[in-house]
PDB file of N, CA and C in Angstrom:
ATOM      1  N   MET A   1      99.850-154.536  13.778  1.00  0.00           N
ATOM      2  CA  MET A   1      98.986-153.369  13.809  1.00  0.00           C
ATOM      3  C   MET A   1      98.515-153.159  15.244  1.00  0.00           C
ATOM      4  N   THR A   2      98.621-151.957  15.710  1.00  0.00           N
ATOM      5  CA  THR A   2      98.222-151.656  17.084  1.00  0.00           C
ATOM      6  C   THR A   2      96.835-151.043  17.097  1.00  0.00           C
ATOM      7  N   ALA A   3      96.165-151.235  18.197  1.00  0.00           N
ATOM      8  CA  ALA A   3      94.822-150.670  18.353  1.00  0.00           C
ATOM      9  C   ALA A   3      94.935-149.185  18.675  1.00  0.00           C
ATOM     10  N   PRO A   4      93.916-148.396  18.317  1.00  0.00           N
ATOM     11  CA  PRO A   4      93.937-146.973  18.649  1.00  0.00           C
ATOM     12  C   PRO A   4      93.933-146.757  20.153  1.00  0.00           C
ATOM     13  N   HIS A   5      94.415-145.585  20.547  1.00  0.00           N
ATOM     14  CA  HIS A   5      94.465-145.244  21.970  1.00  0.00           C
ATOM     15  C   HIS A   5      93.064-145.299  22.565  1.00  0.00           C
ATOM     16  N   GLY A   6      92.932-145.903  23.720  1.00  0.00           N
ATOM     17  CA  GLY A   6      91.647-145.986  24.402  1.00  0.00           C
ATOM     18  C   GLY A   6      90.946-147.312  24.192  1.00  0.00           C
ATOM     19  N   LEU A   7      91.332-148.049  23.145  1.00  0.00           N
ATOM     20  CA  LEU A   7      90.688-149.329  22.886  1.00  0.00           C
ATOM     21  C   LEU A   7      91.558-150.504  23.305  1.00  0.00           C
ATOM     22  N   ALA A   8      92.842-150.276  23.475  1.00  0.00           N
ATOM     23  CA  ALA A   8      93.756-151.357  23.830  1.00  0.00           C
ATOM     24  C   ALA A   8      93.787-151.541  25.346  1.00  0.00           C
ATOM     25  N   GLU A   9      93.913-152.764  25.759  1.00  0.00           N
ATOM     26  CA  GLU A   9      94.062-153.066  27.175  1.00  0.00           C
ATOM     27  C   GLU A   9      95.513-152.846  27.575  1.00  0.00           C
ATOM     28  N   ALA A  10      95.744-152.652  28.842  1.00  0.00           N
ATOM     29  CA  ALA A  10      97.093-152.406  29.336  1.00  0.00           C
ATOM     30  C   ALA A  10      97.935-153.675  29.335  1.00  0.00           C
ATOM     31  N   GLY A  11      97.331-154.802  29.200  1.00  0.00           N
ATOM     32  CA  GLY A  11      98.060-156.065  29.217  1.00  0.00           C
ATOM     33  C   GLY A  11      97.339-157.059  30.100  1.00  0.00           C
ATOM     34  N   PRO A  12      97.875-158.263  30.190  1.00  0.00           N
ATOM     35  CA  PRO A  12      97.220-159.264  31.036  1.00  0.00           C
ATOM     36  C   PRO A  12      97.257-158.851  32.502  1.00  0.00           C
ATOM     37  N   ARG A  13      96.153-159.078  33.166  1.00  0.00           N
ATOM     38  CA  ARG A  13      96.039-158.716  34.581  1.00  0.00           C
ATOM     39  C   ARG A  13      95.638-159.951  35.359  1.00  0.00           C
ATOM     40  N   SER A  14      96.035-159.985  36.600  1.00  0.00           N
ATOM     41  CA  SER A  14      95.690-161.121  37.448  1.00  0.00           C
ATOM     42  C   SER A  14      94.276-160.939  37.997  1.00  0.00           C
ATOM     43  N   THR A  15      93.746-162.016  38.514  1.00  0.00           N
ATOM     44  CA  THR A  15      92.410-161.970  39.102  1.00  0.00           C
ATOM     45  C   THR A  15      92.380-161.028  40.295  1.00  0.00           C
ATOM     46  N   ARG A  16      93.454-161.003  41.050  1.00  0.00           N
ATOM     47  CA  ARG A  16      93.531-160.115  42.214  1.00  0.00           C
ATOM     48  C   ARG A  16      93.459-158.650  41.783  1.00  0.00           C
ATOM     49  N   ASP A  17      94.150-158.293  40.699  1.00  0.00           N
ATOM     50  CA  ASP A  17      94.105-156.914  40.211  1.00  0.00           C
ATOM     51  C   ASP A  17      92.703-156.532  39.737  1.00  0.00           C
ATOM     52  N   ILE A  18      92.058-157.463  39.051  1.00  0.00           N
ATOM     53  CA  ILE A  18      90.704-157.195  38.562  1.00  0.00           C
ATOM     54  C   ILE A  18      89.746-157.023  39.735  1.00  0.00           C
ATOM     55  N   LEU A  19      89.839-157.904  40.728  1.00  0.00           N
ATOM     56  CA  LEU A  19      88.962-157.783  41.898  1.00  0.00           C
ATOM     57  C   LEU A  19      89.246-156.515  42.688  1.00  0.00           C
ATOM     58  N   ARG A  20      90.506-156.145  42.800  1.00  0.00           N
ATOM     59  CA  ARG A  20      90.862-154.929  43.526  1.00  0.00           C
ATOM     60  C   ARG A  20      90.284-153.693  42.834  1.00  0.00           C
ATOM     61  N   ALA A  21      90.181-153.740  41.520  1.00  0.00           N
ATOM     62  CA  ALA A  21      89.651-152.596  40.787  1.00  0.00           C
ATOM     63  C   ALA A  21      88.125-152.572  40.770  1.00  0.00           C
ATOM     64  N   THR A  22      87.494-153.741  40.714  1.00  0.00           N
ATOM     65  CA  THR A  22      86.044-153.765  40.528  1.00  0.00           C
ATOM     66  C   THR A  22      85.238-153.991  41.803  1.00  0.00           C
ATOM     67  N   LEU A  23      85.810-154.614  42.810  1.00  0.00           N
ATOM     68  CA  LEU A  23      85.050-154.906  44.024  1.00  0.00           C
ATOM     69  C   LEU A  23      84.556-153.651  44.745  1.00  0.00           C
ATOM     70  N   PRO A  24      85.376-152.609  44.931  1.00  0.00           N
ATOM     71  CA  PRO A  24      84.835-151.397  45.570  1.00  0.00           C
ATOM     72  C   PRO A  24      83.716-150.749  44.762  1.00  0.00           C
ATOM     73  N   LEU A  25      83.855-150.788  43.453  1.00  0.00           N
ATOM     74  CA  LEU A  25      82.801-150.225  42.606  1.00  0.00           C
ATOM     75  C   LEU A  25      81.523-151.049  42.723  1.00  0.00           C
ATOM     76  N   TRP A  26      81.656-152.365  42.725  1.00  0.00           N
ATOM     77  CA  TRP A  26      80.490-153.223  42.871  1.00  0.00           C
ATOM     78  C   TRP A  26      79.811-152.985  44.219  1.00  0.00           C
ATOM     79  N   LEU A  27      80.605-152.837  45.271  1.00  0.00           N
ATOM     80  CA  LEU A  27      80.031-152.563  46.591  1.00  0.00           C
ATOM     81  C   LEU A  27      79.308-151.216  46.615  1.00  0.00           C
ATOM     82  N   ALA A  28      79.878-150.212  45.956  1.00  0.00           N
ATOM     83  CA  ALA A  28      79.216-148.906  45.884  1.00  0.00           C
ATOM     84  C   ALA A  28      77.900-149.012  45.127  1.00  0.00           C
ATOM     85  N   LEU A  29      77.887-149.769  44.036  1.00  0.00           N
ATOM     86  CA  LEU A  29      76.645-149.942  43.280  1.00  0.00           C
ATOM     87  C   LEU A  29      75.604-150.713  44.094  1.00  0.00           C
ATOM     88  N   MET A  30      76.035-151.704  44.860  1.00  0.00           N
ATOM     89  CA  MET A  30      75.101-152.441  45.709  1.00  0.00           C
ATOM     90  C   MET A  30      74.550-151.555  46.825  1.00  0.00           C
ATOM     91  N   LEU A  31      75.387-150.678  47.364  1.00  0.00           N
ATOM     92  CA  LEU A  31      74.934-149.734  48.385  1.00  0.00           C
ATOM     93  C   LEU A  31      73.898-148.771  47.799  1.00  0.00           C
ATOM     94  N   LEU A  32      74.147-148.297  46.589  1.00  0.00           N
ATOM     95  CA  LEU A  32      73.172-147.414  45.941  1.00  0.00           C
ATOM     96  C   LEU A  32      71.885-148.162  45.596  1.00  0.00           C
ATOM     97  N   LEU A  33      72.006-149.436  45.232  1.00  0.00           N
ATOM     98  CA  LEU A  33      70.816-150.252  44.990  1.00  0.00           C
ATOM     99  C   LEU A  33      70.002-150.405  46.267  1.00  0.00           C
ATOM    100  N   ALA A  34      70.676-150.658  47.380  1.00  0.00           N
ATOM    101  CA  ALA A  34      69.980-150.770  48.665  1.00  0.00           C
ATOM    102  C   ALA A  34      69.329-149.444  49.048  1.00  0.00           C
ATOM    103  N   ALA A  35      70.004-148.333  48.751  1.00  0.00           N
ATOM    104  CA  ALA A  35      69.418-147.019  49.035  1.00  0.00           C
ATOM    105  C   ALA A  35      68.177-146.790  48.187  1.00  0.00           C
ATOM    106  N   THR A  36      68.227-147.184  46.934  1.00  0.00           N
ATOM    107  CA  THR A  36      67.056-147.046  46.065  1.00  0.00           C
ATOM    108  C   THR A  36      65.904-147.891  46.583  1.00  0.00           C
ATOM    109  N   LEU A  37      66.202-149.118  46.951  1.00  0.00           N
ATOM    110  CA  LEU A  37      65.160-150.008  47.469  1.00  0.00           C
ATOM    111  C   LEU A  37      64.601-149.492  48.785  1.00  0.00           C
ATOM    112  N   GLY A  38      65.464-149.040  49.670  1.00  0.00           N
ATOM    113  CA  GLY A  38      65.004-148.522  50.956  1.00  0.00           C
ATOM    114  C   GLY A  38      64.168-147.263  50.818  1.00  0.00           C
ATOM    115  N   LEU A  39      64.584-146.369  49.924  1.00  0.00           N
ATOM    116  CA  LEU A  39      63.840-145.123  49.744  1.00  0.00           C
ATOM    117  C   LEU A  39      62.518-145.331  49.016  1.00  0.00           C
ATOM    118  N   ALA A  40      62.349-146.482  48.378  1.00  0.00           N
ATOM    119  CA  ALA A  40      61.066-146.768  47.734  1.00  0.00           C
ATOM    120  C   ALA A  40      59.958-146.925  48.767  1.00  0.00           C
ATOM    121  N   TYR A  41      60.328-147.276  49.993  1.00  0.00           N
ATOM    122  CA  TYR A  41      59.338-147.462  51.053  1.00  0.00           C
ATOM    123  C   TYR A  41      59.214-146.260  51.975  1.00  0.00           C
ATOM    124  N   VAL A  42      59.979-145.214  51.715  1.00  0.00           N
ATOM    125  CA  VAL A  42      59.906-143.994  52.518  1.00  0.00           C
ATOM    126  C   VAL A  42      58.955-143.029  51.821  1.00  0.00           C
ATOM    127  N   PRO A  43      57.948-142.521  52.521  1.00  0.00           N
ATOM    128  CA  PRO A  43      56.996-141.608  51.878  1.00  0.00           C
ATOM    129  C   PRO A  43      57.605-140.211  51.686  1.00  0.00           C
ATOM    130  N   LEU A  44      58.194-139.983  50.535  1.00  0.00           N
ATOM    131  CA  LEU A  44      58.797-138.685  50.239  1.00  0.00           C
ATOM    132  C   LEU A  44      57.883-137.786  49.413  1.00  0.00           C
ATOM    133  N   GLY A  45      56.723-138.296  49.062  1.00  0.00           N
ATOM    134  CA  GLY A  45      55.791-137.495  48.274  1.00  0.00           C
ATOM    135  C   GLY A  45      56.314-137.267  46.867  1.00  0.00           C
ATOM    136  N   ARG A  46      56.282-136.011  46.463  1.00  0.00           N
ATOM    137  CA  ARG A  46      56.720-135.672  45.109  1.00  0.00           C
ATOM    138  C   ARG A  46      58.227-135.784  44.927  1.00  0.00           C
ATOM    139  N   TRP A  47      58.967-135.845  46.003  1.00  0.00           N
ATOM    140  CA  TRP A  47      60.422-135.903  45.903  1.00  0.00           C
ATOM    141  C   TRP A  47      60.942-137.309  45.641  1.00  0.00           C
ATOM    142  N   SER A  48      60.096-138.318  45.714  1.00  0.00           N
ATOM    143  CA  SER A  48      60.585-139.689  45.540  1.00  0.00           C
ATOM    144  C   SER A  48      61.169-139.910  44.148  1.00  0.00           C
ATOM    145  N   ALA A  49      60.539-139.349  43.124  1.00  0.00           N
ATOM    146  CA  ALA A  49      61.071-139.502  41.764  1.00  0.00           C
ATOM    147  C   ALA A  49      62.395-138.769  41.612  1.00  0.00           C
ATOM    148  N   ALA A  50      62.511-137.579  42.187  1.00  0.00           N
ATOM    149  CA  ALA A  50      63.755-136.813  42.078  1.00  0.00           C
ATOM    150  C   ALA A  50      64.904-137.533  42.780  1.00  0.00           C
ATOM    151  N   VAL A  51      64.636-138.100  43.936  1.00  0.00           N
ATOM    152  CA  VAL A  51      65.678-138.829  44.663  1.00  0.00           C
ATOM    153  C   VAL A  51      66.080-140.083  43.889  1.00  0.00           C
ATOM    154  N   ALA A  52      65.102-140.785  43.340  1.00  0.00           N
ATOM    155  CA  ALA A  52      65.413-141.984  42.555  1.00  0.00           C
ATOM    156  C   ALA A  52      66.226-141.628  41.314  1.00  0.00           C
ATOM    157  N   PHE A  53      65.874-140.533  40.640  1.00  0.00           N
ATOM    158  CA  PHE A  53      66.648-140.100  39.471  1.00  0.00           C
ATOM    159  C   PHE A  53      68.058-139.691  39.874  1.00  0.00           C
ATOM    160  N   GLY A  54      68.206-139.058  41.014  1.00  0.00           N
ATOM    161  CA  GLY A  54      69.535-138.667  41.482  1.00  0.00           C
ATOM    162  C   GLY A  54      70.422-139.873  41.762  1.00  0.00           C
ATOM    163  N   ILE A  55      69.856-140.866  42.424  1.00  0.00           N
ATOM    164  CA  ILE A  55      70.623-142.079  42.712  1.00  0.00           C
ATOM    165  C   ILE A  55      70.975-142.803  41.420  1.00  0.00           C
ATOM    166  N   SER A  56      70.033-142.868  40.488  1.00  0.00           N
ATOM    167  CA  SER A  56      70.339-143.532  39.216  1.00  0.00           C
ATOM    168  C   SER A  56      71.384-142.753  38.428  1.00  0.00           C
ATOM    169  N   GLY A  57      71.406-141.441  38.572  1.00  0.00           N
ATOM    170  CA  GLY A  57      72.442-140.649  37.912  1.00  0.00           C
ATOM    171  C   GLY A  57      73.824-140.954  38.465  1.00  0.00           C
ATOM    172  N   VAL A  58      73.921-141.109  39.776  1.00  0.00           N
ATOM    173  CA  VAL A  58      75.207-141.461  40.394  1.00  0.00           C
ATOM    174  C   VAL A  58      75.655-142.838  39.915  1.00  0.00           C
ATOM    175  N   LYS A  59      74.725-143.786  39.843  1.00  0.00           N
ATOM    176  CA  LYS A  59      75.072-145.122  39.357  1.00  0.00           C
ATOM    177  C   LYS A  59      75.532-145.072  37.904  1.00  0.00           C
ATOM    178  N   THR A  60      74.877-144.247  37.098  1.00  0.00           N
ATOM    179  CA  THR A  60      75.253-144.115  35.693  1.00  0.00           C
ATOM    180  C   THR A  60      76.657-143.549  35.543  1.00  0.00           C
ATOM    181  N   VAL A  61      76.983-142.543  36.328  1.00  0.00           N
ATOM    182  CA  VAL A  61      78.325-141.951  36.257  1.00  0.00           C
ATOM    183  C   VAL A  61      79.379-142.975  36.682  1.00  0.00           C
ATOM    184  N   LEU A  62      79.119-143.716  37.739  1.00  0.00           N
ATOM    185  CA  LEU A  62      80.076-144.733  38.183  1.00  0.00           C
ATOM    186  C   LEU A  62      80.317-145.786  37.105  1.00  0.00           C
ATOM    187  N   ILE A  63      79.251-146.255  36.489  1.00  0.00           N
ATOM    188  CA  ILE A  63      79.393-147.265  35.441  1.00  0.00           C
ATOM    189  C   ILE A  63      80.122-146.688  34.236  1.00  0.00           C
ATOM    190  N   GLY A  64      79.783-145.461  33.855  1.00  0.00           N
ATOM    191  CA  GLY A  64      80.437-144.855  32.700  1.00  0.00           C
ATOM    192  C   GLY A  64      81.915-144.615  32.906  1.00  0.00           C
ATOM    193  N   VAL A  65      82.273-144.113  34.061  1.00  0.00           N
ATOM    194  CA  VAL A  65      83.680-143.771  34.302  1.00  0.00           C
ATOM    195  C   VAL A  65      84.532-145.022  34.482  1.00  0.00           C
ATOM    196  N   PHE A  66      84.035-146.009  35.209  1.00  0.00           N
ATOM    197  CA  PHE A  66      84.880-147.153  35.535  1.00  0.00           C
ATOM    198  C   PHE A  66      84.711-148.331  34.580  1.00  0.00           C
ATOM    199  N   PHE A  67      83.477-148.776  34.332  1.00  0.00           N
ATOM    200  CA  PHE A  67      83.301-149.943  33.475  1.00  0.00           C
ATOM    201  C   PHE A  67      83.464-149.607  31.996  1.00  0.00           C
ATOM    202  N   MET A  68      82.987-148.443  31.579  1.00  0.00           N
ATOM    203  CA  MET A  68      83.127-148.049  30.175  1.00  0.00           C
ATOM    204  C   MET A  68      84.462-147.358  29.913  1.00  0.00           C
ATOM    205  N   LYS A  69      85.235-147.123  30.963  1.00  0.00           N
ATOM    206  CA  LYS A  69      86.576-146.538  30.879  1.00  0.00           C
ATOM    207  C   LYS A  69      86.576-145.191  30.160  1.00  0.00           C
ATOM    208  N   LEU A  70      85.604-144.347  30.481  1.00  0.00           N
ATOM    209  CA  LEU A  70      85.537-143.030  29.857  1.00  0.00           C
ATOM    210  C   LEU A  70      86.667-142.123  30.320  1.00  0.00           C
ATOM    211  N   ARG A  71      87.239-142.415  31.449  1.00  0.00           N
ATOM    212  CA  ARG A  71      88.352-141.606  31.938  1.00  0.00           C
ATOM    213  C   ARG A  71      89.555-141.712  30.997  1.00  0.00           C
ATOM    214  N   ASP A  72      89.758-142.876  30.396  1.00  0.00           N
ATOM    215  CA  ASP A  72      90.897-143.101  29.510  1.00  0.00           C
ATOM    216  C   ASP A  72      90.521-143.066  28.035  1.00  0.00           C
ATOM    217  N   ALA A  73      89.286-142.725  27.711  1.00  0.00           N
ATOM    218  CA  ALA A  73      88.821-142.767  26.328  1.00  0.00           C
ATOM    219  C   ALA A  73      89.319-141.559  25.537  1.00  0.00           C
ATOM    220  N   ILE A  74      89.230-141.690  24.209  1.00  0.00           N
ATOM    221  CA  ILE A  74      89.601-140.574  23.344  1.00  0.00           C
ATOM    222  C   ILE A  74      88.540-139.482  23.469  1.00  0.00           C
ATOM    223  N   PRO A  75      88.883-138.241  23.144  1.00  0.00           N
ATOM    224  CA  PRO A  75      87.935-137.132  23.344  1.00  0.00           C
ATOM    225  C   PRO A  75      86.601-137.299  22.613  1.00  0.00           C
ATOM    226  N   LEU A  76      86.602-137.894  21.427  1.00  0.00           N
ATOM    227  CA  LEU A  76      85.345-138.062  20.696  1.00  0.00           C
ATOM    228  C   LEU A  76      84.381-138.980  21.450  1.00  0.00           C
ATOM    229  N   VAL A  77      84.902-140.009  22.066  1.00  0.00           N
ATOM    230  CA  VAL A  77      84.055-140.919  22.847  1.00  0.00           C
ATOM    231  C   VAL A  77      83.515-140.200  24.075  1.00  0.00           C
ATOM    232  N   ARG A  78      84.341-139.381  24.704  1.00  0.00           N
ATOM    233  CA  ARG A  78      83.875-138.602  25.862  1.00  0.00           C
ATOM    234  C   ARG A  78      82.778-137.626  25.464  1.00  0.00           C
ATOM    235  N   ILE A  79      82.945-136.971  24.318  1.00  0.00           N
ATOM    236  CA  ILE A  79      81.925-136.023  23.847  1.00  0.00           C
ATOM    237  C   ILE A  79      80.615-136.755  23.576  1.00  0.00           C
ATOM    238  N   ALA A  80      80.697-137.926  22.944  1.00  0.00           N
ATOM    239  CA  ALA A  80      79.487-138.707  22.671  1.00  0.00           C
ATOM    240  C   ALA A  80      78.807-139.134  23.970  1.00  0.00           C
ATOM    241  N   ALA A  81      79.590-139.537  24.960  1.00  0.00           N
ATOM    242  CA  ALA A  81      79.015-139.941  26.247  1.00  0.00           C
ATOM    243  C   ALA A  81      78.371-138.752  26.949  1.00  0.00           C
ATOM    244  N   CYS A  82      79.020-137.591  26.911  1.00  0.00           N
ATOM    245  CA  CYS A  82      78.444-136.392  27.540  1.00  0.00           C
ATOM    246  C   CYS A  82      77.167-135.958  26.830  1.00  0.00           C
ATOM    247  N   ALA A  83      77.159-136.032  25.501  1.00  0.00           N
ATOM    248  CA  ALA A  83      75.948-135.674  24.756  1.00  0.00           C
ATOM    249  C   ALA A  83      74.809-136.624  25.096  1.00  0.00           C
ATOM    250  N   THR A  84      75.127-137.890  25.250  1.00  0.00           N
ATOM    251  CA  THR A  84      74.105-138.865  25.635  1.00  0.00           C
ATOM    252  C   THR A  84      73.555-138.564  27.023  1.00  0.00           C
ATOM    253  N   MET A  85      74.439-138.239  27.955  1.00  0.00           N
ATOM    254  CA  MET A  85      73.997-137.924  29.318  1.00  0.00           C
ATOM    255  C   MET A  85      73.147-136.656  29.344  1.00  0.00           C
ATOM    256  N   LEU A  86      73.525-135.654  28.552  1.00  0.00           N
ATOM    257  CA  LEU A  86      72.715-134.432  28.495  1.00  0.00           C
ATOM    258  C   LEU A  86      71.333-134.718  27.915  1.00  0.00           C
ATOM    259  N   TRP A  87      71.275-135.548  26.879  1.00  0.00           N
ATOM    260  CA  TRP A  87      69.992-135.897  26.281  1.00  0.00           C
ATOM    261  C   TRP A  87      69.131-136.669  27.285  1.00  0.00           C
ATOM    262  N   LEU A  88      69.725-137.617  27.997  1.00  0.00           N
ATOM    263  CA  LEU A  88      68.961-138.353  29.005  1.00  0.00           C
ATOM    264  C   LEU A  88      68.503-137.444  30.139  1.00  0.00           C
ATOM    265  N   ALA A  89      69.349-136.506  30.541  1.00  0.00           N
ATOM    266  CA  ALA A  89      68.957-135.553  31.582  1.00  0.00           C
ATOM    267  C   ALA A  89      67.775-134.710  31.114  1.00  0.00           C
ATOM    268  N   PHE A  90      67.787-134.317  29.856  1.00  0.00           N
ATOM    269  CA  PHE A  90      66.669-133.558  29.298  1.00  0.00           C
ATOM    270  C   PHE A  90      65.389-134.390  29.312  1.00  0.00           C
ATOM    271  N   LEU A  91      65.485-135.659  28.940  1.00  0.00           N
ATOM    272  CA  LEU A  91      64.300-136.522  28.959  1.00  0.00           C
ATOM    273  C   LEU A  91      63.798-136.755  30.382  1.00  0.00           C
ATOM    274  N   PHE A  92      64.722-136.925  31.338  1.00  0.00           N
ATOM    275  CA  PHE A  92      64.309-137.055  32.736  1.00  0.00           C
ATOM    276  C   PHE A  92      63.650-135.781  33.235  1.00  0.00           C
ATOM    277  N   LEU A  93      64.168-134.641  32.811  1.00  0.00           N
ATOM    278  CA  LEU A  93      63.576-133.359  33.195  1.00  0.00           C
ATOM    279  C   LEU A  93      62.147-133.249  32.675  1.00  0.00           C
ATOM    280  N   LEU A  94      61.931-133.646  31.431  1.00  0.00           N
ATOM    281  CA  LEU A  94      60.575-133.616  30.887  1.00  0.00           C
ATOM    282  C   LEU A  94      59.659-134.587  31.632  1.00  0.00           C
ATOM    283  N   THR A  95      60.172-135.765  31.960  1.00  0.00           N
ATOM    284  CA  THR A  95      59.372-136.739  32.705  1.00  0.00           C
ATOM    285  C   THR A  95      59.016-136.210  34.086  1.00  0.00           C
ATOM    286  N   PHE A  96      59.996-135.616  34.755  1.00  0.00           N
ATOM    287  CA  PHE A  96      59.751-135.080  36.092  1.00  0.00           C
ATOM    288  C   PHE A  96      58.776-133.907  36.039  1.00  0.00           C
ATOM    289  N   ALA A  97      58.882-133.059  35.010  1.00  0.00           N
ATOM    290  CA  ALA A  97      57.937-131.952  34.856  1.00  0.00           C
ATOM    291  C   ALA A  97      56.526-132.480  34.628  1.00  0.00           C
ATOM    292  N   ASP A  98      56.403-133.569  33.886  1.00  0.00           N
ATOM    293  CA  ASP A  98      55.094-134.174  33.669  1.00  0.00           C
ATOM    294  C   ASP A  98      54.527-134.714  34.977  1.00  0.00           C
ATOM    295  N   LEU A  99      55.367-135.349  35.775  1.00  0.00           N
ATOM    296  CA  LEU A  99      54.896-135.878  37.058  1.00  0.00           C
ATOM    297  C   LEU A  99      54.443-134.772  38.003  1.00  0.00           C
ATOM    298  N   LEU A 100      55.159-133.656  38.001  1.00  0.00           N
ATOM    299  CA  LEU A 100      54.817-132.562  38.914  1.00  0.00           C
ATOM    300  C   LEU A 100      53.539-131.833  38.520  1.00  0.00           C
ATOM    301  N   THR A 101      53.189-131.850  37.251  1.00  0.00           N
ATOM    302  CA  THR A 101      52.019-131.095  36.807  1.00  0.00           C
ATOM    303  C   THR A 101      50.756-131.938  36.732  1.00  0.00           C
ATOM    304  N   ARG A 102      50.826-133.191  37.074  1.00  0.00           N
ATOM    305  CA  ARG A 102      49.624-134.029  37.049  1.00  0.00           C
ATOM    306  C   ARG A 102      48.772-133.777  38.284  1.00  0.00           C
ATOM    307  N   ALA A 103      47.487-134.014  38.123  1.00  0.00           N
ATOM    308  CA  ALA A 103      46.568-133.897  39.256  1.00  0.00           C
ATOM    309  C   ALA A 103      46.809-135.073  40.203  1.00  0.00           C
ATOM    310  N   PRO A 104      46.625-134.864  41.491  1.00  0.00           N
ATOM    311  CA  PRO A 104      46.831-135.976  42.432  1.00  0.00           C
ATOM    312  C   PRO A 104      45.807-137.082  42.204  1.00  0.00           C
ATOM    313  N   LEU A 105      46.235-138.305  42.393  1.00  0.00           N
ATOM    314  CA  LEU A 105      45.349-139.449  42.226  1.00  0.00           C
ATOM    315  C   LEU A 105      44.457-139.589  43.452  1.00  0.00           C
ATOM    316  N   THR A 106      43.232-139.996  43.220  1.00  0.00           N
ATOM    317  CA  THR A 106      42.297-140.213  44.324  1.00  0.00           C
ATOM    318  C   THR A 106      41.867-141.670  44.329  1.00  0.00           C
ATOM    319  N   GLN A 107      41.376-142.108  45.457  1.00  0.00           N
ATOM    320  CA  GLN A 107      40.877-143.465  45.581  1.00  0.00           C
ATOM    321  C   GLN A 107      39.509-143.561  44.908  1.00  0.00           C
ATOM    322  N   PRO A 108      39.177-144.724  44.351  1.00  0.00           N
ATOM    323  CA  PRO A 108      37.853-144.877  43.743  1.00  0.00           C
ATOM    324  C   PRO A 108      36.751-144.662  44.777  1.00  0.00           C
ATOM    325  N   GLY A 109      35.736-143.929  44.386  1.00  0.00           N
ATOM    326  CA  GLY A 109      34.606-143.672  45.260  1.00  0.00           C
ATOM    327  C   GLY A 109      34.738-142.415  46.090  1.00  0.00           C
ATOM    328  N   THR A 110      35.861-141.744  46.057  1.00  0.00           N
ATOM    329  CA  THR A 110      36.013-140.507  46.819  1.00  0.00           C
ATOM    330  C   THR A 110      35.539-139.330  45.986  1.00  0.00           C
ATOM    331  N   ILE A 111      35.139-138.287  46.668  1.00  0.00           N
ATOM    332  CA  ILE A 111      34.649-137.090  45.990  1.00  0.00           C
ATOM    333  C   ILE A 111      35.818-136.131  45.800  1.00  0.00           C
ATOM    334  N   VAL A 112      35.990-135.695  44.566  1.00  0.00           N
ATOM    335  CA  VAL A 112      37.061-134.753  44.258  1.00  0.00           C
ATOM    336  C   VAL A 112      36.541-133.351  44.525  1.00  0.00           C
ATOM    337  N   PRO A 113      37.249-132.542  45.324  1.00  0.00           N
ATOM    338  CA  PRO A 113      36.767-131.182  45.601  1.00  0.00           C
ATOM    339  C   PRO A 113      36.763-130.344  44.328  1.00  0.00           C
ATOM    340  N   SER A 114      35.732-129.521  44.209  1.00  0.00           N
ATOM    341  CA  SER A 114      35.636-128.668  43.018  1.00  0.00           C
ATOM    342  C   SER A 114      36.551-127.464  43.169  1.00  0.00           C
ATOM    343  N   MET A 115      36.975-126.933  42.055  1.00  0.00           N
ATOM    344  CA  MET A 115      37.899-125.806  42.060  1.00  0.00           C
ATOM    345  C   MET A 115      37.163-124.469  41.999  1.00  0.00           C
ATOM    346  N   GLY A 116      35.878-124.451  41.988  1.00  0.00           N
ATOM    347  CA  GLY A 116      35.219-123.167  41.826  1.00  0.00           C
ATOM    348  C   GLY A 116      34.071-123.042  42.705  1.00  0.00           C
TER     349      GLY A 116
END
């Protein structure tokens, strides 16, 4: 009995082939991790969350396409992955909208200016 298309491996692979396929991806993910860490210390104001979400989105796409093998998956799996990404994007959008509409935080003991 054969496995359905998309679930079967291509066959035994050598360690060199596996490293050749995964090492560039791992390096890209480490570079994006370093960018996330570095940008955490850069004062971007309200844009820091948007930049962090953008970097995490790139990391998510890389993991989905290469490690989850969505490029070679059957169409139903691709549709499920796209629906999941759209739902997560919607939740991130709601989170970002909540962050943008909050009042700025003040230090304890400071006087908040009145609006009227």
